[in-house]
Amino acid sequence: MHQSHPVPPIGEASSARRLTYTPADPLLTAREAASETGRALSTFYRDLRAGLLPQPCVKVGRSPRWRRSVLHAALGLS
């Protein structure tokens, strides 16, 4: 038999689900890295091919990822 559970007050359960872990130096997707460096995605890839940006630190499946700190260091951002 299906047991019913009491429904928590509004905001109580949803706030607990919003807690997320954010690492200090996250791995960024190409889209996130482009945004982080103020470039369009196509410009980001063009600059990557031209050697103006660092190569990805790691691949997750087929998706390249960059560390935020590596991008900032390469571009002199703080």
C-alpha atoms as a PDB file:
ATOM      1  CA  MET A   1       0.000   0.000   0.000  1.00  0.00           C
ATOM      2  CA  HIS A   2       1.248   3.511  -0.794  1.00  0.00           C
ATOM      3  CA  GLN A   3       2.079   5.567   2.267  1.00  0.00           C
ATOM      4  CA  SER A   4       1.603   9.287   2.141  1.00  0.00           C
ATOM      5  CA  HIS A   5       4.263  11.584   3.516  1.00  0.00           C
ATOM      6  CA  PRO A   6       3.559  14.961   5.040  1.00  0.00           C
ATOM      7  CA  VAL A   7       4.249  17.826   2.671  1.00  0.00           C
ATOM      8  CA  PRO A   8       6.773  20.319   4.085  1.00  0.00           C
ATOM      9  CA  PRO A   9       5.843  24.011   4.152  1.00  0.00           C
ATOM     10  CA  ILE A  10       6.542  25.974   0.983  1.00  0.00           C
ATOM     11  CA  GLY A  11      10.175  27.010   0.728  1.00  0.00           C
ATOM     12  CA  GLU A  12      11.450  24.500   3.265  1.00  0.00           C
ATOM     13  CA  ALA A  13      12.080  21.543   0.958  1.00  0.00           C
ATOM     14  CA  SER A  14      12.919  23.586  -2.123  1.00  0.00           C
ATOM     15  CA  SER A  15      15.641  25.558  -0.336  1.00  0.00           C
ATOM     16  CA  ALA A  16      17.334  22.325   0.730  1.00  0.00           C
ATOM     17  CA  ARG A  17      17.472  21.166  -2.899  1.00  0.00           C
ATOM     18  CA  ARG A  18      19.126  24.381  -4.056  1.00  0.00           C
ATOM     19  CA  LEU A  19      22.278  23.726  -2.061  1.00  0.00           C
ATOM     20  CA  THR A  20      24.978  22.987  -4.595  1.00  0.00           C
ATOM     21  CA  TYR A  21      28.702  22.449  -4.419  1.00  0.00           C
ATOM     22  CA  THR A  22      30.687  25.033  -6.345  1.00  0.00           C
ATOM     23  CA  PRO A  23      34.412  24.313  -6.513  1.00  0.00           C
ATOM     24  CA  ALA A  24      36.813  27.234  -6.181  1.00  0.00           C
ATOM     25  CA  ASP A  25      38.388  26.417  -9.569  1.00  0.00           C
ATOM     26  CA  PRO A  26      35.710  24.725 -11.693  1.00  0.00           C
ATOM     27  CA  LEU A  27      36.122  22.971 -15.007  1.00  0.00           C
ATOM     28  CA  LEU A  28      34.368  25.031 -17.680  1.00  0.00           C
ATOM     29  CA  THR A  29      32.744  23.829 -20.886  1.00  0.00           C
ATOM     30  CA  ALA A  30      33.672  25.596 -24.126  1.00  0.00           C
ATOM     31  CA  ARG A  31      30.509  27.697 -23.909  1.00  0.00           C
ATOM     32  CA  GLU A  32      31.248  28.669 -20.287  1.00  0.00           C
ATOM     33  CA  ALA A  33      34.910  29.352 -21.087  1.00  0.00           C
ATOM     34  CA  ALA A  34      33.920  31.562 -24.023  1.00  0.00           C
ATOM     35  CA  SER A  35      31.553  33.516 -21.803  1.00  0.00           C
ATOM     36  CA  GLU A  36      34.175  33.752 -19.052  1.00  0.00           C
ATOM     37  CA  THR A  37      36.667  35.271 -21.514  1.00  0.00           C
ATOM     38  CA  GLY A  38      34.127  37.615 -23.123  1.00  0.00           C
ATOM     39  CA  ARG A  39      34.146  35.858 -26.501  1.00  0.00           C
ATOM     40  CA  ALA A  40      31.503  34.356 -28.728  1.00  0.00           C
ATOM     41  CA  LEU A  41      31.836  30.578 -28.964  1.00  0.00           C
ATOM     42  CA  SER A  42      33.086  30.756 -32.569  1.00  0.00           C
ATOM     43  CA  THR A  43      35.684  33.386 -31.602  1.00  0.00           C
ATOM     44  CA  PHE A  44      36.750  31.265 -28.638  1.00  0.00           C
ATOM     45  CA  TYR A  45      37.436  28.283 -30.940  1.00  0.00           C
ATOM     46  CA  ARG A  46      39.200  30.521 -33.501  1.00  0.00           C
ATOM     47  CA  ASP A  47      41.497  31.923 -30.786  1.00  0.00           C
ATOM     48  CA  LEU A  48      42.094  28.399 -29.462  1.00  0.00           C
ATOM     49  CA  ARG A  49      43.201  27.199 -32.930  1.00  0.00           C
ATOM     50  CA  ALA A  50      45.417  30.303 -33.285  1.00  0.00           C
ATOM     51  CA  GLY A  51      47.181  29.465 -30.009  1.00  0.00           C
ATOM     52  CA  LEU A  52      45.870  32.543 -28.192  1.00  0.00           C
ATOM     53  CA  LEU A  53      44.138  30.396 -25.564  1.00  0.00           C
ATOM     54  CA  PRO A  54      45.378  27.377 -23.609  1.00  0.00           C
ATOM     55  CA  GLN A  55      44.422  23.877 -24.677  1.00  0.00           C
ATOM     56  CA  PRO A  56      41.787  22.136 -22.527  1.00  0.00           C
ATOM     57  CA  CYS A  57      42.962  20.628 -19.238  1.00  0.00           C
ATOM     58  CA  VAL A  58      40.805  17.525 -19.513  1.00  0.00           C
ATOM     59  CA  LYS A  59      38.162  15.898 -21.683  1.00  0.00           C
ATOM     60  CA  VAL A  60      34.956  14.619 -20.142  1.00  0.00           C
ATOM     61  CA  GLY A  61      33.737  12.186 -22.751  1.00  0.00           C
ATOM     62  CA  ARG A  62      34.139  14.176 -25.957  1.00  0.00           C
ATOM     63  CA  SER A  63      33.714  17.525 -24.223  1.00  0.00           C
ATOM     64  CA  PRO A  64      36.884  19.548 -23.565  1.00  0.00           C
ATOM     65  CA  ARG A  65      37.073  21.401 -20.238  1.00  0.00           C
ATOM     66  CA  TRP A  66      39.221  24.305 -19.073  1.00  0.00           C
ATOM     67  CA  ARG A  67      40.084  25.312 -15.512  1.00  0.00           C
ATOM     68  CA  ARG A  68      38.921  28.836 -14.768  1.00  0.00           C
ATOM     69  CA  SER A  69      42.302  29.673 -13.191  1.00  0.00           C
ATOM     70  CA  VAL A  70      44.203  28.508 -16.306  1.00  0.00           C
ATOM     71  CA  LEU A  71      42.085  30.712 -18.586  1.00  0.00           C
ATOM     72  CA  HIS A  72      42.433  33.702 -16.277  1.00  0.00           C
ATOM     73  CA  ALA A  73      46.216  33.223 -15.995  1.00  0.00           C
ATOM     74  CA  ALA A  74      46.620  32.915 -19.774  1.00  0.00           C
ATOM     75  CA  LEU A  75      44.658  36.111 -20.371  1.00  0.00           C
ATOM     76  CA  GLY A  76      46.011  38.087 -17.422  1.00  0.00           C
ATOM     77  CA  LEU A  77      42.584  38.304 -15.772  1.00  0.00           C
ATOM     78  CA  SER A  78      42.305  38.531 -12.012  1.00  0.00           C
END
